[in-house]
Protein backbone atom coordinates (compact mmCIF):
# COMPACT_ATOMS: atom_id res chain seq x y z
CA UNK A 1 50.78 -45.19 -32.46
CA UNK A 2 50.00 -42.32 -34.91
CA UNK A 3 53.08 -41.05 -36.42
CA UNK A 4 53.12 -37.17 -36.83
CA UNK A 5 54.41 -37.91 -41.12
CA UNK A 6 51.20 -39.48 -41.71
CA UNK A 7 49.06 -36.54 -39.82
CA UNK A 8 51.67 -34.26 -42.24
CA UNK A 9 50.40 -36.48 -45.07
CA UNK A 10 47.13 -36.46 -44.87
CA UNK A 11 46.68 -32.84 -44.31
CA UNK A 12 48.01 -32.65 -47.81
CA UNK A 13 50.83 -30.42 -47.17
CA UNK A 14 49.41 -28.09 -45.38
CA UNK A 15 52.36 -26.08 -43.78
CA UNK A 16 50.87 -26.13 -39.92
CA UNK A 17 50.42 -29.14 -39.92
CA UNK A 18 54.45 -29.83 -38.27
CA UNK A 19 54.84 -29.30 -35.36
CA UNK A 20 50.90 -28.60 -33.69
CA UNK A 21 50.15 -32.66 -33.66
CA UNK A 22 53.54 -34.22 -31.68
CA UNK A 23 51.17 -34.82 -28.79
CA UNK A 24 49.77 -37.13 -31.33
CA UNK A 25 52.15 -39.81 -31.24
CA UNK A 26 51.51 -40.13 -27.77
CA UNK A 27 47.85 -40.79 -27.84
CA UNK A 28 45.76 -43.71 -28.49
CA UNK A 29 42.21 -42.08 -28.90
CA UNK A 30 43.10 -38.90 -30.74
CA UNK A 31 40.71 -35.78 -30.25
CA UNK A 32 40.95 -32.89 -33.12
CA UNK A 33 39.42 -29.47 -31.89
CA UNK A 34 40.02 -25.93 -32.32
CA UNK A 35 42.27 -23.48 -30.01
CA UNK A 36 41.24 -20.90 -27.49
CA UNK A 37 38.24 -19.87 -25.97
CA UNK A 38 35.61 -21.95 -23.15
CA UNK A 39 35.41 -24.88 -25.88
CA UNK A 40 39.18 -25.77 -25.18
CA UNK A 41 39.21 -25.19 -21.53
CA UNK A 42 36.33 -27.55 -21.27
CA UNK A 43 36.98 -29.87 -23.38
CA UNK A 44 40.64 -30.13 -21.30
CA UNK A 45 38.85 -30.60 -18.31
CA UNK A 46 37.05 -33.90 -19.39
CA UNK A 47 39.67 -35.27 -20.97
CA UNK A 48 41.74 -35.08 -18.08
CA UNK A 49 38.75 -36.71 -16.12
CA UNK A 50 38.29 -39.46 -18.32
CA UNK A 51 41.97 -40.49 -18.39
CA UNK A 52 42.05 -40.94 -14.61
CA UNK A 53 39.34 -43.09 -14.84
CA UNK A 54 40.39 -46.25 -13.48
CA UNK A 55 38.70 -48.38 -16.22
CA UNK A 56 40.26 -46.47 -19.26
CA UNK A 57 43.56 -48.50 -19.92
CA UNK A 58 46.50 -46.74 -21.44
CA UNK A 59 45.78 -47.32 -24.74
CA UNK A 60 42.52 -45.74 -24.73
CA UNK A 61 43.11 -42.57 -23.07
CA UNK A 62 42.66 -39.33 -24.88
CA UNK A 63 45.15 -36.92 -26.22
CA UNK A 64 43.80 -33.39 -27.44
CA UNK A 65 45.01 -32.59 -30.89
CA UNK A 66 44.46 -28.38 -32.43
CA UNK A 67 43.78 -26.71 -35.87
CA UNK A 68 43.61 -23.49 -35.94
CA UNK A 69 39.64 -21.58 -35.98
CA UNK A 70 41.10 -19.98 -39.43
CA UNK A 71 39.80 -21.90 -41.99
CA UNK A 72 38.86 -25.13 -39.52
CA UNK A 73 36.03 -26.05 -41.67
CA UNK A 74 37.81 -26.17 -44.76
CA UNK A 75 40.79 -27.57 -43.84
CA UNK A 76 39.10 -30.76 -41.51
CA UNK A 77 36.85 -30.97 -44.64
CA UNK A 78 40.31 -31.76 -46.53
CA UNK A 79 42.03 -33.90 -44.18
CA UNK A 80 38.96 -36.33 -43.96
CA UNK A 81 38.38 -36.67 -47.54
CA UNK A 82 41.70 -37.71 -47.90
CA UNK A 83 40.38 -40.66 -45.35
CA UNK A 84 43.47 -39.24 -42.60
CA UNK A 85 43.37 -41.61 -39.61
CA UNK A 86 45.40 -39.02 -37.41
CA UNK A 87 42.53 -38.29 -35.66
CA UNK A 88 39.78 -40.32 -33.76
CA UNK A 89 37.25 -37.95 -33.53
CA UNK A 90 36.79 -34.31 -34.57
CA UNK A 91 34.90 -31.06 -33.71
CA UNK A 92 31.68 -30.67 -35.76
CA UNK A 93 28.92 -28.32 -35.61
CA UNK A 94 25.43 -28.01 -37.11
CA UNK A 95 25.17 -25.96 -39.66
CA UNK A 96 28.14 -27.79 -41.22
CA UNK A 97 27.54 -31.74 -40.38
CA UNK A 98 26.12 -32.62 -43.78
CA UNK A 99 29.45 -31.52 -45.27
CA UNK A 100 31.08 -34.15 -43.53
CA UNK A 101 28.88 -37.26 -42.95
CA UNK A 102 29.87 -39.24 -45.66
CA UNK A 103 33.14 -39.39 -43.89
CA UNK A 104 32.34 -40.16 -40.70
CA UNK A 105 30.38 -43.00 -38.78
CA UNK A 106 27.00 -42.16 -36.93
CA UNK A 107 27.60 -42.46 -33.49
CA UNK A 108 26.29 -44.32 -30.25
CA UNK A 109 25.25 -42.00 -26.98
CA UNK A 110 24.82 -43.07 -23.56
CA UNK A 111 21.83 -44.29 -21.79
CA UNK A 112 21.82 -40.84 -19.97
CA UNK A 113 22.01 -39.06 -23.55
CA UNK A 114 17.86 -38.87 -24.22
CA UNK A 115 17.03 -37.31 -20.72
CA UNK A 116 20.25 -35.43 -20.13
CA UNK A 117 19.42 -32.95 -23.41
CA UNK A 118 16.20 -33.92 -24.60
CA UNK A 119 15.12 -33.83 -28.65
CA UNK A 120 16.55 -30.35 -29.54
CA UNK A 121 20.15 -30.36 -28.33
CA UNK A 122 20.20 -34.33 -29.53
CA UNK A 123 18.81 -33.10 -33.07
CA UNK A 124 21.85 -30.55 -33.66
CA UNK A 125 24.45 -33.56 -34.35
CA UNK A 126 22.09 -34.76 -36.33
CA UNK A 127 21.81 -35.43 -39.97
CA UNK A 128 19.54 -37.71 -42.22
CA UNK A 129 17.57 -39.29 -39.40
CA UNK A 130 20.90 -40.37 -37.82
CA UNK A 131 23.45 -39.02 -34.58
CA UNK A 132 26.72 -37.98 -35.44
CA UNK A 133 27.69 -36.17 -32.38
CA UNK A 134 28.28 -35.62 -28.65
CA UNK A 135 26.29 -31.78 -28.24
CA UNK A 136 28.70 -30.14 -25.95
CA UNK A 137 28.11 -26.81 -26.63
CA UNK A 138 25.05 -25.22 -27.87
CA UNK A 139 24.37 -21.33 -28.89
CA UNK A 140 21.19 -19.76 -29.29
CA UNK A 141 19.45 -16.24 -28.86
CA UNK A 142 18.75 -14.07 -25.59
CA UNK A 143 16.29 -10.99 -25.71
CA UNK A 144 18.61 -8.30 -23.73
CA UNK A 145 16.79 -5.60 -22.16
CA UNK A 146 17.39 -2.66 -19.82
CA UNK A 147 14.93 -3.47 -17.04
CA UNK A 148 15.40 -0.18 -15.32
CA UNK A 149 13.83 1.28 -18.50
CA UNK A 150 11.05 -0.92 -19.06
CA UNK A 151 10.15 -0.51 -15.20
CA UNK A 152 9.87 3.39 -15.42
CA UNK A 153 7.71 3.16 -18.78
CA UNK A 154 5.22 0.54 -17.51
CA UNK A 155 4.75 2.80 -14.00
CA UNK A 156 4.25 6.30 -16.10
CA UNK A 157 1.12 7.07 -17.43
CA UNK A 158 2.16 9.34 -20.16
CA UNK A 159 4.44 7.61 -20.87
CA UNK A 160 2.48 4.59 -21.81
CA UNK A 161 -0.04 7.30 -23.72
CA UNK A 162 3.29 8.32 -25.94
CA UNK A 163 3.46 4.78 -26.53
CA UNK A 164 0.35 4.26 -28.11
CA UNK A 165 0.85 7.24 -30.35
CA UNK A 166 4.08 5.71 -31.13
CA UNK A 167 2.56 2.57 -32.10
CA UNK A 168 -0.42 3.43 -33.75
CA UNK A 169 1.71 5.66 -35.78
CA UNK A 170 4.04 3.65 -37.27
CA UNK A 171 2.29 -0.21 -36.55
CA UNK A 172 -1.02 1.03 -37.03
CA UNK A 173 -1.99 -0.37 -33.79
CA UNK A 174 -2.69 1.31 -30.30
CA UNK A 175 -0.66 -0.62 -28.35
CA UNK A 176 0.08 -0.51 -24.60
CA UNK A 177 3.67 -1.64 -23.33
CA UNK A 178 4.36 -5.56 -22.12
CA UNK A 179 6.40 -7.30 -19.52
CA UNK A 180 9.48 -8.47 -22.20
CA UNK A 181 8.53 -12.03 -21.27
CA UNK A 182 5.41 -11.48 -22.94
CA UNK A 183 6.41 -9.43 -25.58
CA UNK A 184 4.96 -10.42 -29.55
CA UNK A 185 7.58 -9.19 -32.57
CA UNK A 186 5.25 -6.33 -33.02
CA UNK A 187 5.65 -5.12 -29.24
CA UNK A 188 9.44 -5.52 -29.52
CA UNK A 189 8.88 -3.19 -32.19
CA UNK A 190 6.53 -0.64 -30.62
CA UNK A 191 9.01 -0.50 -27.74
CA UNK A 192 12.75 0.24 -29.93
CA UNK A 193 10.30 2.70 -31.33
CA UNK A 194 9.34 4.55 -28.46
CA UNK A 195 13.50 4.58 -27.20
CA UNK A 196 14.60 6.37 -29.98
CA UNK A 197 15.20 9.83 -30.15
CA UNK A 198 14.44 9.93 -33.67
CA UNK A 199 11.28 8.70 -32.82
CA UNK A 200 11.00 9.59 -29.58
CA UNK A 201 12.87 12.94 -28.31
CA UNK A 202 12.41 12.19 -24.80
CA UNK A 203 13.96 8.34 -25.38
CA UNK A 204 16.55 7.73 -22.70
CA UNK A 205 18.32 6.10 -25.12
CA UNK A 206 19.50 7.13 -28.19
CA UNK A 207 18.70 3.81 -30.01
CA UNK A 208 16.00 1.75 -29.36
CA UNK A 209 17.43 -1.48 -30.50
CA UNK A 210 20.41 -2.68 -32.33
CA UNK A 211 20.48 -4.82 -34.96
CA UNK A 212 23.42 -7.13 -36.86
CA UNK A 213 22.62 -6.09 -40.29
CA UNK A 214 26.35 -6.48 -42.24
CA UNK A 215 26.29 -9.61 -44.67
CA UNK A 216 27.84 -11.88 -42.64
CA UNK A 217 26.04 -15.46 -42.20
CA UNK A 218 26.13 -15.49 -38.67
CA UNK A 219 23.56 -12.42 -38.73
CA UNK A 220 20.83 -14.32 -40.49
CA UNK A 221 21.05 -16.94 -37.69
CA UNK A 222 20.13 -14.84 -35.03
CA UNK A 223 17.06 -12.53 -37.46
CA UNK A 224 15.92 -15.98 -38.60
CA UNK A 225 14.04 -16.38 -35.91
CA UNK A 226 11.48 -13.89 -36.58
CA UNK A 227 10.64 -15.53 -39.92
CA UNK A 228 10.50 -19.14 -37.92
CA UNK A 229 8.18 -17.44 -35.25
CA UNK A 230 5.45 -16.65 -38.09
CA UNK A 231 5.63 -20.23 -39.20
CA UNK A 232 8.55 -19.69 -41.85
CA UNK A 233 11.28 -22.54 -42.82
CA UNK A 234 13.55 -23.25 -45.56
CA UNK A 235 11.62 -25.59 -47.07
CA UNK A 236 8.04 -28.02 -46.37
CA UNK A 237 8.48 -31.53 -45.50
CA UNK A 238 8.48 -32.50 -49.24
CA UNK A 239 12.09 -30.67 -50.08
CA UNK A 240 10.19 -27.40 -51.81
CA UNK A 241 11.34 -23.89 -50.29
CA UNK A 242 9.80 -21.93 -48.52
CA UNK A 243 11.22 -19.28 -48.09
CA UNK A 244 9.08 -16.39 -50.69
CA UNK A 245 6.20 -16.18 -47.82
CA UNK A 246 4.84 -14.09 -45.84
CA UNK A 247 6.87 -15.73 -42.71
CA UNK A 248 10.09 -14.35 -44.22
CA UNK A 249 8.16 -11.17 -45.37
CA UNK A 250 7.05 -10.47 -42.68
CA UNK A 251 10.34 -11.13 -40.66
CA UNK A 252 12.54 -8.78 -42.86
CA UNK A 253 10.28 -6.23 -43.10
CA UNK A 254 10.56 -5.82 -39.13
CA UNK A 255 13.89 -5.29 -39.93
CA UNK A 256 13.37 -2.89 -42.63
CA UNK A 257 10.94 -1.11 -40.47
CA UNK A 258 13.27 -0.42 -37.51
CA UNK A 259 16.26 0.53 -39.36
CA UNK A 260 14.58 2.98 -41.82
CA UNK A 261 12.90 4.34 -38.42
CA UNK A 262 16.59 5.51 -37.07
CA UNK A 263 15.83 2.33 -34.64
CA UNK A 264 19.07 1.11 -34.78
CA UNK A 265 22.36 2.72 -35.55
CA UNK A 266 22.75 3.95 -38.96
CA UNK A 267 26.29 1.97 -39.84
CA UNK A 268 23.92 -1.12 -38.42
CA UNK A 269 24.96 -2.52 -42.18
CA UNK A 270 28.06 -3.07 -41.32
CA UNK A 271 27.63 -4.65 -37.55
CA UNK A 272 27.54 -7.98 -36.04
CA UNK A 273 28.39 -9.44 -32.38
CA UNK A 274 30.52 -7.04 -31.32
CA UNK A 275 29.58 -4.09 -32.62
CA UNK A 276 26.69 -4.84 -31.41
CA UNK A 277 27.54 -5.58 -28.14
CA UNK A 278 29.62 -2.33 -28.32
CA UNK A 279 26.70 -0.56 -28.74
CA UNK A 280 24.53 -2.05 -25.90
CA UNK A 281 27.50 -1.98 -23.39
CA UNK A 282 27.40 1.94 -24.13
CA UNK A 283 23.90 1.75 -22.55
CA UNK A 284 22.75 3.87 -25.46
CA UNK A 285 20.27 0.72 -26.02
CA UNK A 286 17.16 -0.65 -24.65
CA UNK A 287 17.00 -3.70 -25.98
CA UNK A 288 18.56 -5.87 -28.31
CA UNK A 289 18.45 -10.03 -29.32
CA UNK A 290 22.21 -10.69 -28.98
CA UNK A 291 24.17 -14.95 -28.46
CA UNK A 292 23.78 -16.14 -25.19
CA UNK A 293 27.42 -15.64 -25.39
CA UNK A 294 27.18 -12.03 -24.45
CA UNK A 295 25.43 -12.67 -21.44
CA UNK A 296 28.49 -13.24 -19.09
CA UNK A 297 29.78 -9.63 -20.29
CA UNK A 298 26.69 -7.39 -20.05
CA UNK A 299 24.91 -8.61 -17.32
CA UNK A 300 28.10 -8.18 -15.69
CA UNK A 301 28.81 -4.37 -13.67
CA UNK A 302 32.69 -4.76 -13.44
CA UNK A 303 32.63 -5.85 -17.40
CA UNK A 304 29.82 -3.18 -18.95
CA UNK A 305 29.08 -0.69 -15.59
CA UNK A 306 27.07 1.34 -17.28
CA UNK A 307 23.95 -1.74 -18.08
CA UNK A 308 25.49 -4.48 -15.78
CA UNK A 309 23.28 -3.77 -13.19
CA UNK A 310 20.19 -3.62 -15.14
CA UNK A 311 20.63 -5.71 -17.95
CA UNK A 312 18.14 -8.64 -17.85
CA UNK A 313 17.99 -11.78 -20.52
CA UNK A 314 15.08 -13.62 -21.46
CA UNK A 315 13.93 -15.98 -24.70
CA UNK A 316 13.29 -14.09 -28.13
CA UNK A 317 9.51 -12.63 -28.53
CA UNK A 318 6.96 -14.39 -29.99
CA UNK A 319 5.35 -14.69 -33.58
CA UNK A 320 1.65 -16.18 -34.04
CA UNK A 321 3.18 -19.91 -34.59
CA UNK A 322 5.77 -20.11 -32.20
CA UNK A 323 8.17 -18.81 -29.78
CA UNK A 324 11.77 -20.03 -31.45
CA UNK A 325 15.58 -19.18 -31.14
CA UNK A 326 18.08 -20.37 -33.34
CA UNK A 327 20.17 -23.33 -32.13
CA UNK A 328 23.54 -24.62 -33.53
CA UNK A 329 25.72 -27.16 -31.04
CA UNK A 330 29.41 -27.57 -31.54
CA UNK A 331 30.24 -31.57 -30.78
CA UNK A 332 32.40 -34.00 -31.22
CA UNK A 333 31.85 -37.65 -33.92
CA UNK A 334 33.99 -40.52 -35.49
CA UNK A 335 36.21 -40.12 -38.27
CA UNK A 336 35.47 -43.09 -40.58
CA UNK A 337 38.80 -43.76 -40.75
CA UNK A 338 39.56 -43.36 -37.05
CA UNK A 339 42.38 -46.12 -36.15
CA UNK A 340 41.01 -47.01 -32.52
CA UNK A 341 37.77 -47.24 -33.05
CA UNK A 342 36.14 -49.14 -30.26
CA UNK A 343 38.34 -46.47 -27.99
CA UNK A 344 36.51 -43.79 -29.56
CA UNK A 345 33.28 -44.94 -29.02
CA UNK A 346 33.84 -45.31 -25.45
CA UNK A 347 35.26 -42.01 -24.94
CA UNK A 348 31.64 -40.85 -27.22
CA UNK A 349 29.59 -42.65 -25.00
CA UNK A 350 31.07 -41.11 -21.66
CA UNK A 351 31.12 -38.00 -23.19
CA UNK A 352 26.96 -37.94 -23.28
CA UNK A 353 27.14 -38.96 -19.66
CA UNK A 354 26.08 -36.43 -17.01
CA UNK A 355 29.15 -36.57 -15.11
CA UNK A 356 30.76 -35.44 -17.99
CA UNK A 357 28.37 -33.06 -19.10
CA UNK A 358 29.20 -31.05 -15.26
CA UNK A 359 32.75 -31.54 -15.55
CA UNK A 360 32.45 -29.68 -19.05
CA UNK A 361 30.06 -27.05 -17.67
CA UNK A 362 31.91 -26.29 -14.67
CA UNK A 363 35.26 -26.13 -16.72
CA UNK A 364 33.22 -22.74 -18.89
CA UNK A 365 31.67 -25.08 -21.89
CA UNK A 366 28.08 -24.16 -22.71
CA UNK A 367 26.22 -27.62 -22.83
CA UNK A 368 22.27 -27.45 -22.93
CA UNK A 369 21.19 -29.68 -20.27
CA UNK A 370 17.80 -30.73 -18.53
CA UNK A 371 16.04 -28.89 -15.85
CA UNK A 372 17.10 -31.35 -13.18
CA UNK A 373 20.63 -32.07 -14.77
CA UNK A 374 21.57 -28.49 -14.44
CA UNK A 375 20.94 -27.85 -11.20
CA UNK A 376 24.18 -29.26 -9.87
CA UNK A 377 25.75 -26.19 -11.37
CA UNK A 378 22.85 -23.33 -11.49
CA UNK A 379 24.26 -21.82 -8.73
CA UNK A 380 28.18 -21.14 -10.27
CA UNK A 381 26.56 -21.20 -14.05
CA UNK A 382 23.02 -19.28 -13.80
CA UNK A 383 23.36 -18.68 -17.99
CA UNK A 384 23.31 -22.40 -18.85
CA UNK A 385 19.76 -22.99 -16.89
CA UNK A 386 18.35 -20.39 -18.93
CA UNK A 387 20.03 -22.31 -22.22
CA UNK A 388 18.79 -25.49 -21.11
CA UNK A 389 15.48 -23.93 -20.64
CA UNK A 390 15.08 -22.48 -23.87
CA UNK A 391 16.41 -24.74 -26.56
CA UNK A 392 14.34 -27.22 -24.94
CA UNK A 393 11.00 -25.23 -25.60
CA UNK A 394 11.87 -23.00 -28.44
CA UNK A 395 15.05 -24.00 -30.43
CA UNK A 396 14.93 -25.16 -33.96
CA UNK A 397 17.10 -26.25 -36.48
CA UNK A 398 15.77 -24.85 -40.79
CA UNK A 399 14.92 -28.19 -43.04
CA UNK A 400 17.99 -28.24 -44.56
CA UNK A 401 19.40 -26.40 -41.70
CA UNK A 402 22.48 -29.21 -41.32
CA UNK A 403 23.07 -29.99 -45.15
CA UNK A 404 26.20 -30.56 -47.05
CA UNK A 405 25.34 -26.90 -48.26
CA UNK A 406 24.01 -24.99 -45.36
CA UNK A 407 26.78 -22.89 -44.97
CA UNK A 408 26.65 -21.91 -48.47
CA UNK A 409 22.26 -21.12 -48.37
CA UNK A 410 23.12 -18.65 -45.24
CA UNK A 411 25.66 -16.99 -47.15
CA UNK A 412 23.39 -16.37 -49.64
CA UNK A 413 20.67 -15.33 -47.50
CA UNK A 414 22.80 -12.71 -45.58
CA UNK A 415 23.85 -11.32 -49.35
CA UNK A 416 20.28 -10.91 -50.54
CA UNK A 417 18.90 -9.86 -46.78
CA UNK A 418 21.16 -7.33 -46.40
CA UNK A 419 20.50 -5.91 -50.42
CA UNK A 420 17.18 -5.43 -49.31
CA UNK A 421 17.49 -3.77 -45.82
CA UNK A 422 20.20 -2.06 -47.44
CA UNK A 423 17.53 -0.08 -50.22
CA UNK A 424 19.72 -2.00 -52.93
CA UNK A 425 16.92 -4.08 -54.03
CA UNK A 426 13.08 -4.72 -53.48
CA UNK A 427 12.13 -7.56 -51.54
CA UNK A 428 10.93 -9.57 -53.97
CA UNK A 429 13.79 -9.37 -55.68
CA UNK A 430 15.83 -10.81 -52.52
CA UNK A 431 13.24 -13.07 -52.43
CA UNK A 432 12.99 -14.85 -55.82
CA UNK A 433 16.81 -14.64 -55.53
CA UNK A 434 17.66 -16.51 -52.57
CA UNK A 435 14.82 -19.08 -53.70
CA UNK A 436 17.00 -19.89 -56.98
CA UNK A 437 19.92 -19.71 -54.82
CA UNK A 438 19.01 -22.44 -53.09
CA UNK A 439 17.12 -24.56 -55.34
CA UNK A 440 20.97 -24.80 -57.39
CA UNK A 441 22.52 -25.21 -53.29
CA UNK A 442 20.41 -28.32 -52.49
CA UNK A 443 19.98 -30.08 -56.03
């Protein structure tokens, strides 16, 4: 058994350790996650189902442990680096795997995993070509748009003419409105400008879009699919940093153009997930790119009465090279210092089966599953249908996006790119600062 005293010591004297992990002494396979939200609920359901299986012995049953979310990744790194054996399996995220890989072991998934998830989803738990975890939850981006507004535009010849005039003036080309599922980034920009009162006084909404431009690493994850769809990446195959490119310039200039035109609220420089959702839910925005996690609220008429019945979701717009959505996963991986490795490996293998994935999904988790697998829960979880489809068709992880300093790179880009969008520095300076900083971080 794993005494709490040993766990507390491994946490280097952290005051939160005592008392939170009392359950660890009664388990042989201990799983460390974070509390609250659908991830905890789904993991509890999966663990209960596994423990009830006839072929799982008492010494291999699963007990769940939880850190507080605040400072979770730093605390976990300290624990792993100290060689703690107080937990066998621990939470992982795509952007943090590189930090923890030296203290973890690659894992073997079930024979069903490849068909269940596909390459794009499995890659969210990979580092240096090795699989370090089971992908339990996936985050990516949807384009949310107002069906009623787009339908009205598409059926009105006068509105189409005004749309063409606006796109000619601001984008240099007279364009026609399209079905949002056929949008390029230029179509999105033209639509955002058309539905902006500062550009078109007859617009039924004040803003055409809402951009998340706060100096925050997760906002760069939302933005960077613009650059990716133009062929951008952090590095090429030889490890050369490639952010000072036409692709990154196009994506950064798109945000700047929309912000300067008033197509997004002026205080968007302080916006992240919650503020963007609030602006859209208020009925004053025509379309936005947002995390899939917002779908449950923004498409629900009870939770978002102004827009719930008229909101649709699709994949983000296309660029000349691709249609793309950033993806990152949460999952569970194996602590190199685990005390019960065999029991932990058995649980991971089961967790990567269709049986486990469906239990997890029905309990509120967000696994990205193949079309065949997700059909079993499609009626109760329609959002998972798009999640799996878009992850497989459009999902990407930047080259270096799972490295040890991936979080620091996102933070660097957030600082420099927000500086450009806010007018504090020019584009050349922002890109030069990012390239220099990345060169130091990726040494």
